[in-house]
Amino acid sequence: MIELITGGRNAGKTSTAIDSAKKIALKRYYIATARNLDSEVNTKIQRHKMQRGDKFVTVEEPLDIAGAMKDLDKDSVIVLDCLTMWTANMLFADREKLIFETSKKIIAELSQFRNSFVVTNEVGLGIIPETALSRKYSSLLGEVNKLFASAADIVLLMVDGIPLKIKGSFYP
Protein backbone atom coordinates (compact mmCIF):
# COMPACT_ATOMS: atom_id res chain seq x y z
CA MET A 1 0.00 0.00 0.00
CA ILE A 2 1.40 3.37 -1.03
CA GLU A 3 0.13 6.59 0.56
CA LEU A 4 1.20 9.90 -0.95
CA ILE A 5 1.07 12.87 1.42
CA THR A 6 1.29 16.24 -0.29
CA GLY A 7 0.68 19.84 0.65
CA GLY A 8 2.37 23.17 1.19
CA ARG A 9 5.44 23.95 3.19
CA ASN A 10 5.09 23.22 6.92
CA ALA A 11 1.58 21.83 6.45
CA GLY A 12 2.22 18.72 8.56
CA LYS A 13 3.14 16.22 5.82
CA THR A 14 6.15 14.61 7.50
CA SER A 15 4.50 14.56 10.93
CA THR A 16 1.47 12.80 9.43
CA ALA A 17 3.67 10.23 7.67
CA ILE A 18 5.73 9.55 10.80
CA ASP A 19 2.67 9.34 13.07
CA SER A 20 0.91 7.00 10.63
CA ALA A 21 3.97 4.75 10.40
CA LYS A 22 4.32 4.64 14.20
CA LYS A 23 0.79 3.22 14.49
CA ILE A 24 1.84 0.12 12.55
CA ALA A 25 3.60 -2.53 14.64
CA LEU A 26 6.29 -3.42 12.12
CA LYS A 27 9.92 -2.50 11.53
CA ARG A 28 10.10 1.08 10.24
CA TYR A 29 12.48 2.72 7.78
CA TYR A 30 12.86 6.42 7.07
CA ILE A 31 14.46 7.32 3.73
CA ALA A 32 15.85 10.85 4.00
CA THR A 33 16.58 12.63 0.72
CA ALA A 34 17.54 16.07 2.07
CA ARG A 35 21.12 17.20 1.91
CA ASN A 36 22.26 19.16 4.93
CA LEU A 37 23.29 22.27 3.01
CA ASP A 38 22.50 25.11 5.40
CA SER A 39 21.24 25.94 8.88
CA GLU A 40 17.57 26.05 7.81
CA VAL A 41 17.71 22.54 6.35
CA ASN A 42 19.72 21.35 9.36
CA THR A 43 17.02 22.65 11.72
CA LYS A 44 14.34 20.77 9.78
CA ILE A 45 16.44 17.58 9.72
CA GLN A 46 16.92 17.77 13.50
CA ARG A 47 13.18 18.31 14.05
CA HIS A 48 12.36 15.26 11.92
CA LYS A 49 14.93 13.18 13.82
CA MET A 50 13.27 14.17 17.11
CA GLN A 51 9.84 13.24 15.71
CA ARG A 52 11.11 9.80 14.67
CA GLY A 53 13.01 9.13 17.86
CA ASP A 54 14.42 5.62 17.92
CA LYS A 55 11.36 4.14 16.18
CA PHE A 56 12.94 4.14 12.68
CA VAL A 57 16.03 2.93 10.91
CA THR A 58 17.19 6.00 8.96
CA VAL A 59 18.68 5.65 5.50
CA GLU A 60 20.11 8.84 4.02
CA GLU A 61 20.03 8.77 0.22
CA PRO A 62 19.71 11.91 -1.91
CA LEU A 63 19.60 10.20 -5.34
CA ASP A 64 19.41 6.38 -5.56
CA ILE A 65 16.27 5.77 -3.52
CA ALA A 66 15.32 2.55 -5.32
CA GLY A 67 18.81 1.17 -4.73
CA ALA A 68 18.68 2.14 -1.06
CA MET A 69 15.40 0.24 -0.61
CA LYS A 70 16.40 -2.89 -2.51
CA ASP A 71 17.81 -4.88 0.43
CA LEU A 72 15.48 -3.58 3.15
CA ASP A 73 12.99 -5.89 4.87
CA LYS A 74 9.85 -5.69 2.72
CA ASP A 75 7.63 -6.83 5.61
CA SER A 76 7.96 -3.38 7.11
CA VAL A 77 6.86 0.25 6.90
CA ILE A 78 8.77 2.88 4.97
CA VAL A 79 8.55 6.67 5.04
CA LEU A 80 10.12 8.36 2.01
CA ASP A 81 10.78 12.01 2.84
CA CYS A 82 10.68 13.62 0.38
CA LEU A 83 10.13 13.72 -3.39
CA THR A 84 10.52 17.49 -3.35
CA MET A 85 14.17 17.33 -2.25
CA TRP A 86 14.85 14.24 -4.37
CA THR A 87 13.59 15.98 -7.52
CA ALA A 88 15.85 18.98 -6.79
CA ASN A 89 18.77 16.63 -6.14
CA MET A 90 18.18 14.87 -9.46
CA LEU A 91 17.90 18.19 -11.31
CA PHE A 92 21.13 19.58 -9.84
CA ALA A 93 22.98 16.27 -10.44
CA ASP A 94 22.13 16.54 -14.17
CA ARG A 95 19.90 13.45 -13.93
CA GLU A 96 16.73 15.17 -15.10
CA LYS A 97 16.43 12.87 -18.13
CA LEU A 98 16.39 9.84 -15.81
CA ILE A 99 13.81 11.15 -13.37
CA PHE A 100 10.71 9.42 -14.78
CA GLU A 101 12.43 6.07 -15.34
CA THR A 102 13.91 6.34 -11.84
CA SER A 103 10.50 7.32 -10.39
CA LYS A 104 9.01 4.11 -11.80
CA LYS A 105 11.78 2.08 -10.14
CA ILE A 106 11.11 3.81 -6.83
CA ILE A 107 7.37 3.11 -7.12
CA ALA A 108 8.10 -0.55 -7.89
CA GLU A 109 10.26 -0.82 -4.76
CA LEU A 110 7.73 1.03 -2.58
CA SER A 111 4.93 -1.30 -3.69
CA GLN A 112 6.84 -4.27 -2.23
CA PHE A 113 6.69 -2.92 1.32
CA ARG A 114 3.77 -3.66 3.63
CA ASN A 115 3.09 0.09 3.97
CA SER A 116 4.77 3.04 2.27
CA PHE A 117 4.28 6.71 3.08
CA VAL A 118 5.67 9.17 0.54
CA VAL A 119 5.99 12.87 1.34
CA THR A 120 6.06 15.59 -1.31
CA ASN A 121 5.18 19.23 -1.74
CA GLU A 122 2.43 20.69 -3.87
CA VAL A 123 4.24 23.63 -5.43
CA GLY A 124 1.81 24.33 -8.26
CA LEU A 125 -0.77 26.26 -6.25
CA GLY A 126 1.23 29.45 -5.89
CA ILE A 127 2.48 32.08 -8.25
CA ILE A 128 4.40 31.22 -11.42
CA PRO A 129 8.09 31.22 -10.43
CA GLU A 130 10.20 34.13 -11.69
CA THR A 131 13.26 32.27 -13.00
CA ALA A 132 13.50 29.68 -15.77
CA LEU A 133 15.18 27.20 -13.40
CA SER A 134 12.41 27.60 -10.81
CA ARG A 135 9.72 27.12 -13.48
CA LYS A 136 11.54 24.04 -14.80
CA TYR A 137 11.79 22.61 -11.27
CA SER A 138 8.14 23.23 -10.35
CA SER A 139 6.97 21.68 -13.62
CA LEU A 140 9.24 18.68 -13.15
CA LEU A 141 8.05 18.15 -9.56
CA GLY A 142 4.45 18.45 -10.72
CA GLU A 143 5.02 15.65 -13.23
CA VAL A 144 6.79 13.49 -10.62
CA ASN A 145 3.92 14.07 -8.18
CA LYS A 146 1.35 13.05 -10.82
CA LEU A 147 3.23 9.81 -11.46
CA PHE A 148 3.36 8.94 -7.75
CA ALA A 149 -0.26 10.00 -7.16
CA SER A 150 -1.38 7.77 -10.01
CA ALA A 151 0.41 4.79 -8.42
CA ALA A 152 -0.69 5.56 -4.86
CA ASP A 153 -3.57 3.79 -3.16
CA ILE A 154 -4.21 6.83 -0.97
CA VAL A 155 -3.44 10.51 -1.58
CA LEU A 156 -3.76 13.07 1.20
CA LEU A 157 -3.52 16.83 0.83
CA MET A 158 -2.37 18.48 4.05
CA VAL A 159 -3.82 21.92 4.73
CA ASP A 160 -2.81 23.61 7.98
CA GLY A 161 -2.15 20.25 9.62
CA ILE A 162 -5.46 18.78 8.50
CA PRO A 163 -5.43 15.82 6.07
CA LEU A 164 -7.89 16.01 3.20
CA LYS A 165 -8.55 12.76 1.37
CA ILE A 166 -7.97 13.18 -2.37
CA LYS A 167 -7.83 9.51 -3.38
CA GLY A 168 -8.55 6.19 -1.67
CA SER A 169 -9.81 5.70 1.83
CA PHE A 170 -8.43 6.02 5.32
CA TYR A 171 -7.64 2.93 7.37
CA PRO A 172 -10.60 1.16 8.93
C-alpha atoms as a PDB file:
ATOM      1  CA  MET A   1       0.000   0.000   0.000  1.00  0.00           C
ATOM      2  CA  ILE A   2       1.397   3.374  -1.029  1.00  0.00           C
ATOM      3  CA  GLU A   3       0.133   6.589   0.556  1.00  0.00           C
ATOM      4  CA  LEU A   4       1.205   9.899  -0.948  1.00  0.00           C
ATOM      5  CA  ILE A   5       1.070  12.868   1.416  1.00  0.00           C
ATOM      6  CA  THR A   6       1.291  16.239  -0.286  1.00  0.00           C
ATOM      7  CA  GLY A   7       0.683  19.840   0.654  1.00  0.00           C
ATOM      8  CA  GLY A   8       2.369  23.174   1.193  1.00  0.00           C
ATOM      9  CA  ARG A   9       5.440  23.950   3.189  1.00  0.00           C
ATOM     10  CA  ASN A  10       5.091  23.215   6.921  1.00  0.00           C
ATOM     11  CA  ALA A  11       1.576  21.834   6.454  1.00  0.00           C
ATOM     12  CA  GLY A  12       2.223  18.719   8.561  1.00  0.00           C
ATOM     13  CA  LYS A  13       3.139  16.217   5.823  1.00  0.00           C
ATOM     14  CA  THR A  14       6.151  14.612   7.500  1.00  0.00           C
ATOM     15  CA  SER A  15       4.498  14.555  10.928  1.00  0.00           C
ATOM     16  CA  THR A  16       1.474  12.805   9.428  1.00  0.00           C
ATOM     17  CA  ALA A  17       3.674  10.233   7.671  1.00  0.00           C
ATOM     18  CA  ILE A  18       5.731   9.547  10.802  1.00  0.00           C
ATOM     19  CA  ASP A  19       2.668   9.345  13.072  1.00  0.00           C
ATOM     20  CA  SER A  20       0.909   7.000  10.634  1.00  0.00           C
ATOM     21  CA  ALA A  21       3.966   4.751  10.404  1.00  0.00           C
ATOM     22  CA  LYS A  22       4.322   4.644  14.199  1.00  0.00           C
ATOM     23  CA  LYS A  23       0.793   3.217  14.485  1.00  0.00           C
ATOM     24  CA  ILE A  24       1.840   0.120  12.551  1.00  0.00           C
ATOM     25  CA  ALA A  25       3.596  -2.534  14.637  1.00  0.00           C
ATOM     26  CA  LEU A  26       6.290  -3.421  12.124  1.00  0.00           C
ATOM     27  CA  LYS A  27       9.916  -2.505  11.531  1.00  0.00           C
ATOM     28  CA  ARG A  28      10.098   1.078  10.235  1.00  0.00           C
ATOM     29  CA  TYR A  29      12.479   2.721   7.785  1.00  0.00           C
ATOM     30  CA  TYR A  30      12.864   6.417   7.067  1.00  0.00           C
ATOM     31  CA  ILE A  31      14.460   7.317   3.726  1.00  0.00           C
ATOM     32  CA  ALA A  32      15.846  10.854   4.003  1.00  0.00           C
ATOM     33  CA  THR A  33      16.576  12.627   0.723  1.00  0.00           C
ATOM     34  CA  ALA A  34      17.537  16.069   2.074  1.00  0.00           C
ATOM     35  CA  ARG A  35      21.122  17.205   1.907  1.00  0.00           C
ATOM     36  CA  ASN A  36      22.258  19.162   4.935  1.00  0.00           C
ATOM     37  CA  LEU A  37      23.294  22.275   3.006  1.00  0.00           C
ATOM     38  CA  ASP A  38      22.495  25.112   5.400  1.00  0.00           C
ATOM     39  CA  SER A  39      21.241  25.936   8.882  1.00  0.00           C
ATOM     40  CA  GLU A  40      17.574  26.050   7.815  1.00  0.00           C
ATOM     41  CA  VAL A  41      17.712  22.536   6.346  1.00  0.00           C
ATOM     42  CA  ASN A  42      19.716  21.348   9.355  1.00  0.00           C
ATOM     43  CA  THR A  43      17.022  22.648  11.724  1.00  0.00           C
ATOM     44  CA  LYS A  44      14.340  20.771   9.778  1.00  0.00           C
ATOM     45  CA  ILE A  45      16.439  17.575   9.718  1.00  0.00           C
ATOM     46  CA  GLN A  46      16.924  17.772  13.497  1.00  0.00           C
ATOM     47  CA  ARG A  47      13.177  18.313  14.045  1.00  0.00           C
ATOM     48  CA  HIS A  48      12.355  15.261  11.918  1.00  0.00           C
ATOM     49  CA  LYS A  49      14.928  13.176  13.822  1.00  0.00           C
ATOM     50  CA  MET A  50      13.274  14.173  17.114  1.00  0.00           C
ATOM     51  CA  GLN A  51       9.838  13.237  15.713  1.00  0.00           C
ATOM     52  CA  ARG A  52      11.106   9.795  14.669  1.00  0.00           C
ATOM     53  CA  GLY A  53      13.014   9.135  17.859  1.00  0.00           C
ATOM     54  CA  ASP A  54      14.415   5.616  17.918  1.00  0.00           C
ATOM     55  CA  LYS A  55      11.361   4.144  16.183  1.00  0.00           C
ATOM     56  CA  PHE A  56      12.936   4.144  12.682  1.00  0.00           C
ATOM     57  CA  VAL A  57      16.029   2.931  10.911  1.00  0.00           C
ATOM     58  CA  THR A  58      17.188   5.996   8.963  1.00  0.00           C
ATOM     59  CA  VAL A  59      18.676   5.647   5.499  1.00  0.00           C
ATOM     60  CA  GLU A  60      20.107   8.844   4.024  1.00  0.00           C
ATOM     61  CA  GLU A  61      20.029   8.766   0.220  1.00  0.00           C
ATOM     62  CA  PRO A  62      19.705  11.908  -1.908  1.00  0.00           C
ATOM     63  CA  LEU A  63      19.596  10.201  -5.339  1.00  0.00           C
ATOM     64  CA  ASP A  64      19.410   6.381  -5.560  1.00  0.00           C
ATOM     65  CA  ILE A  65      16.275   5.767  -3.524  1.00  0.00           C
ATOM     66  CA  ALA A  66      15.323   2.546  -5.321  1.00  0.00           C
ATOM     67  CA  GLY A  67      18.811   1.168  -4.733  1.00  0.00           C
ATOM     68  CA  ALA A  68      18.679   2.142  -1.064  1.00  0.00           C
ATOM     69  CA  MET A  69      15.401   0.242  -0.611  1.00  0.00           C
ATOM     70  CA  LYS A  70      16.395  -2.895  -2.515  1.00  0.00           C
ATOM     71  CA  ASP A  71      17.810  -4.878   0.428  1.00  0.00           C
ATOM     72  CA  LEU A  72      15.479  -3.576   3.154  1.00  0.00           C
ATOM     73  CA  ASP A  73      12.989  -5.889   4.870  1.00  0.00           C
ATOM     74  CA  LYS A  74       9.852  -5.691   2.722  1.00  0.00           C
ATOM     75  CA  ASP A  75       7.626  -6.826   5.607  1.00  0.00           C
ATOM     76  CA  SER A  76       7.960  -3.376   7.109  1.00  0.00           C
ATOM     77  CA  VAL A  77       6.863   0.251   6.897  1.00  0.00           C
ATOM     78  CA  ILE A  78       8.768   2.877   4.969  1.00  0.00           C
ATOM     79  CA  VAL A  79       8.549   6.669   5.038  1.00  0.00           C
ATOM     80  CA  LEU A  80      10.123   8.362   2.014  1.00  0.00           C
ATOM     81  CA  ASP A  81      10.777  12.013   2.843  1.00  0.00           C
ATOM     82  CA  CYS A  82      10.684  13.622   0.376  1.00  0.00           C
ATOM     83  CA  LEU A  83      10.128  13.716  -3.390  1.00  0.00           C
ATOM     84  CA  THR A  84      10.520  17.492  -3.345  1.00  0.00           C
ATOM     85  CA  MET A  85      14.168  17.328  -2.248  1.00  0.00           C
ATOM     86  CA  TRP A  86      14.853  14.242  -4.373  1.00  0.00           C
ATOM     87  CA  THR A  87      13.592  15.981  -7.518  1.00  0.00           C
ATOM     88  CA  ALA A  88      15.846  18.980  -6.793  1.00  0.00           C
ATOM     89  CA  ASN A  89      18.771  16.632  -6.140  1.00  0.00           C
ATOM     90  CA  MET A  90      18.178  14.873  -9.459  1.00  0.00           C
ATOM     91  CA  LEU A  91      17.903  18.186 -11.315  1.00  0.00           C
ATOM     92  CA  PHE A  92      21.131  19.579  -9.841  1.00  0.00           C
ATOM     93  CA  ALA A  93      22.977  16.273 -10.444  1.00  0.00           C
ATOM     94  CA  ASP A  94      22.129  16.540 -14.168  1.00  0.00           C
ATOM     95  CA  ARG A  95      19.899  13.446 -13.933  1.00  0.00           C
ATOM     96  CA  GLU A  96      16.735  15.171 -15.096  1.00  0.00           C
ATOM     97  CA  LYS A  97      16.430  12.873 -18.135  1.00  0.00           C
ATOM     98  CA  LEU A  98      16.392   9.838 -15.814  1.00  0.00           C
ATOM     99  CA  ILE A  99      13.809  11.146 -13.375  1.00  0.00           C
ATOM    100  CA  PHE A 100      10.710   9.421 -14.781  1.00  0.00           C
ATOM    101  CA  GLU A 101      12.427   6.074 -15.342  1.00  0.00           C
ATOM    102  CA  THR A 102      13.910   6.342 -11.844  1.00  0.00           C
ATOM    103  CA  SER A 103      10.504   7.318 -10.394  1.00  0.00           C
ATOM    104  CA  LYS A 104       9.006   4.110 -11.802  1.00  0.00           C
ATOM    105  CA  LYS A 105      11.775   2.077 -10.141  1.00  0.00           C
ATOM    106  CA  ILE A 106      11.106   3.808  -6.827  1.00  0.00           C
ATOM    107  CA  ILE A 107       7.370   3.111  -7.116  1.00  0.00           C
ATOM    108  CA  ALA A 108       8.099  -0.552  -7.893  1.00  0.00           C
ATOM    109  CA  GLU A 109      10.255  -0.817  -4.763  1.00  0.00           C
ATOM    110  CA  LEU A 110       7.726   1.032  -2.577  1.00  0.00           C
ATOM    111  CA  SER A 111       4.933  -1.297  -3.695  1.00  0.00           C
ATOM    112  CA  GLN A 112       6.837  -4.271  -2.234  1.00  0.00           C
ATOM    113  CA  PHE A 113       6.686  -2.919   1.324  1.00  0.00           C
ATOM    114  CA  ARG A 114       3.765  -3.658   3.630  1.00  0.00           C
ATOM    115  CA  ASN A 115       3.086   0.086   3.967  1.00  0.00           C
ATOM    116  CA  SER A 116       4.766   3.044   2.268  1.00  0.00           C
ATOM    117  CA  PHE A 117       4.278   6.706   3.084  1.00  0.00           C
ATOM    118  CA  VAL A 118       5.670   9.169   0.539  1.00  0.00           C
ATOM    119  CA  VAL A 119       5.989  12.871   1.336  1.00  0.00           C
ATOM    120  CA  THR A 120       6.062  15.588  -1.314  1.00  0.00           C
ATOM    121  CA  ASN A 121       5.179  19.233  -1.738  1.00  0.00           C
ATOM    122  CA  GLU A 122       2.427  20.694  -3.866  1.00  0.00           C
ATOM    123  CA  VAL A 123       4.242  23.635  -5.433  1.00  0.00           C
ATOM    124  CA  GLY A 124       1.812  24.333  -8.261  1.00  0.00           C
ATOM    125  CA  LEU A 125      -0.770  26.258  -6.246  1.00  0.00           C
ATOM    126  CA  GLY A 126       1.233  29.449  -5.893  1.00  0.00           C
ATOM    127  CA  ILE A 127       2.477  32.081  -8.255  1.00  0.00           C
ATOM    128  CA  ILE A 128       4.404  31.219 -11.415  1.00  0.00           C
ATOM    129  CA  PRO A 129       8.093  31.216 -10.429  1.00  0.00           C
ATOM    130  CA  GLU A 130      10.198  34.126 -11.692  1.00  0.00           C
ATOM    131  CA  THR A 131      13.257  32.273 -12.999  1.00  0.00           C
ATOM    132  CA  ALA A 132      13.500  29.679 -15.767  1.00  0.00           C
ATOM    133  CA  LEU A 133      15.181  27.205 -13.402  1.00  0.00           C
ATOM    134  CA  SER A 134      12.407  27.603 -10.807  1.00  0.00           C
ATOM    135  CA  ARG A 135       9.718  27.124 -13.485  1.00  0.00           C
ATOM    136  CA  LYS A 136      11.537  24.043 -14.797  1.00  0.00           C
ATOM    137  CA  TYR A 137      11.789  22.611 -11.275  1.00  0.00           C
ATOM    138  CA  SER A 138       8.140  23.226 -10.346  1.00  0.00           C
ATOM    139  CA  SER A 139       6.968  21.684 -13.624  1.00  0.00           C
ATOM    140  CA  LEU A 140       9.235  18.680 -13.148  1.00  0.00           C
ATOM    141  CA  LEU A 141       8.050  18.150  -9.558  1.00  0.00           C
ATOM    142  CA  GLY A 142       4.446  18.454 -10.722  1.00  0.00           C
ATOM    143  CA  GLU A 143       5.016  15.650 -13.234  1.00  0.00           C
ATOM    144  CA  VAL A 144       6.786  13.486 -10.624  1.00  0.00           C
ATOM    145  CA  ASN A 145       3.919  14.071  -8.184  1.00  0.00           C
ATOM    146  CA  LYS A 146       1.345  13.048 -10.819  1.00  0.00           C
ATOM    147  CA  LEU A 147       3.233   9.811 -11.464  1.00  0.00           C
ATOM    148  CA  PHE A 148       3.360   8.937  -7.749  1.00  0.00           C
ATOM    149  CA  ALA A 149      -0.262  10.002  -7.162  1.00  0.00           C
ATOM    150  CA  SER A 150      -1.381   7.767 -10.006  1.00  0.00           C
ATOM    151  CA  ALA A 151       0.411   4.788  -8.425  1.00  0.00           C
ATOM    152  CA  ALA A 152      -0.689   5.562  -4.859  1.00  0.00           C
ATOM    153  CA  ASP A 153      -3.575   3.794  -3.161  1.00  0.00           C
ATOM    154  CA  ILE A 154      -4.215   6.832  -0.968  1.00  0.00           C
ATOM    155  CA  VAL A 155      -3.439  10.513  -1.580  1.00  0.00           C
ATOM    156  CA  LEU A 156      -3.764  13.074   1.203  1.00  0.00           C
ATOM    157  CA  LEU A 157      -3.517  16.828   0.832  1.00  0.00           C
ATOM    158  CA  MET A 158      -2.368  18.477   4.049  1.00  0.00           C
ATOM    159  CA  VAL A 159      -3.824  21.922   4.727  1.00  0.00           C
ATOM    160  CA  ASP A 160      -2.811  23.613   7.981  1.00  0.00           C
ATOM    161  CA  GLY A 161      -2.152  20.248   9.617  1.00  0.00           C
ATOM    162  CA  ILE A 162      -5.462  18.777   8.498  1.00  0.00           C
ATOM    163  CA  PRO A 163      -5.435  15.821   6.071  1.00  0.00           C
ATOM    164  CA  LEU A 164      -7.893  16.015   3.199  1.00  0.00           C
ATOM    165  CA  LYS A 165      -8.547  12.757   1.371  1.00  0.00           C
ATOM    166  CA  ILE A 166      -7.967  13.185  -2.368  1.00  0.00           C
ATOM    167  CA  LYS A 167      -7.830   9.513  -3.384  1.00  0.00           C
ATOM    168  CA  GLY A 168      -8.549   6.190  -1.674  1.00  0.00           C
ATOM    169  CA  SER A 169      -9.808   5.699   1.829  1.00  0.00           C
ATOM    170  CA  PHE A 170      -8.435   6.020   5.324  1.00  0.00           C
ATOM    171  CA  TYR A 171      -7.641   2.926   7.368  1.00  0.00           C
ATOM    172  CA  PRO A 172     -10.598   1.164   8.930  1.00  0.00           C
END
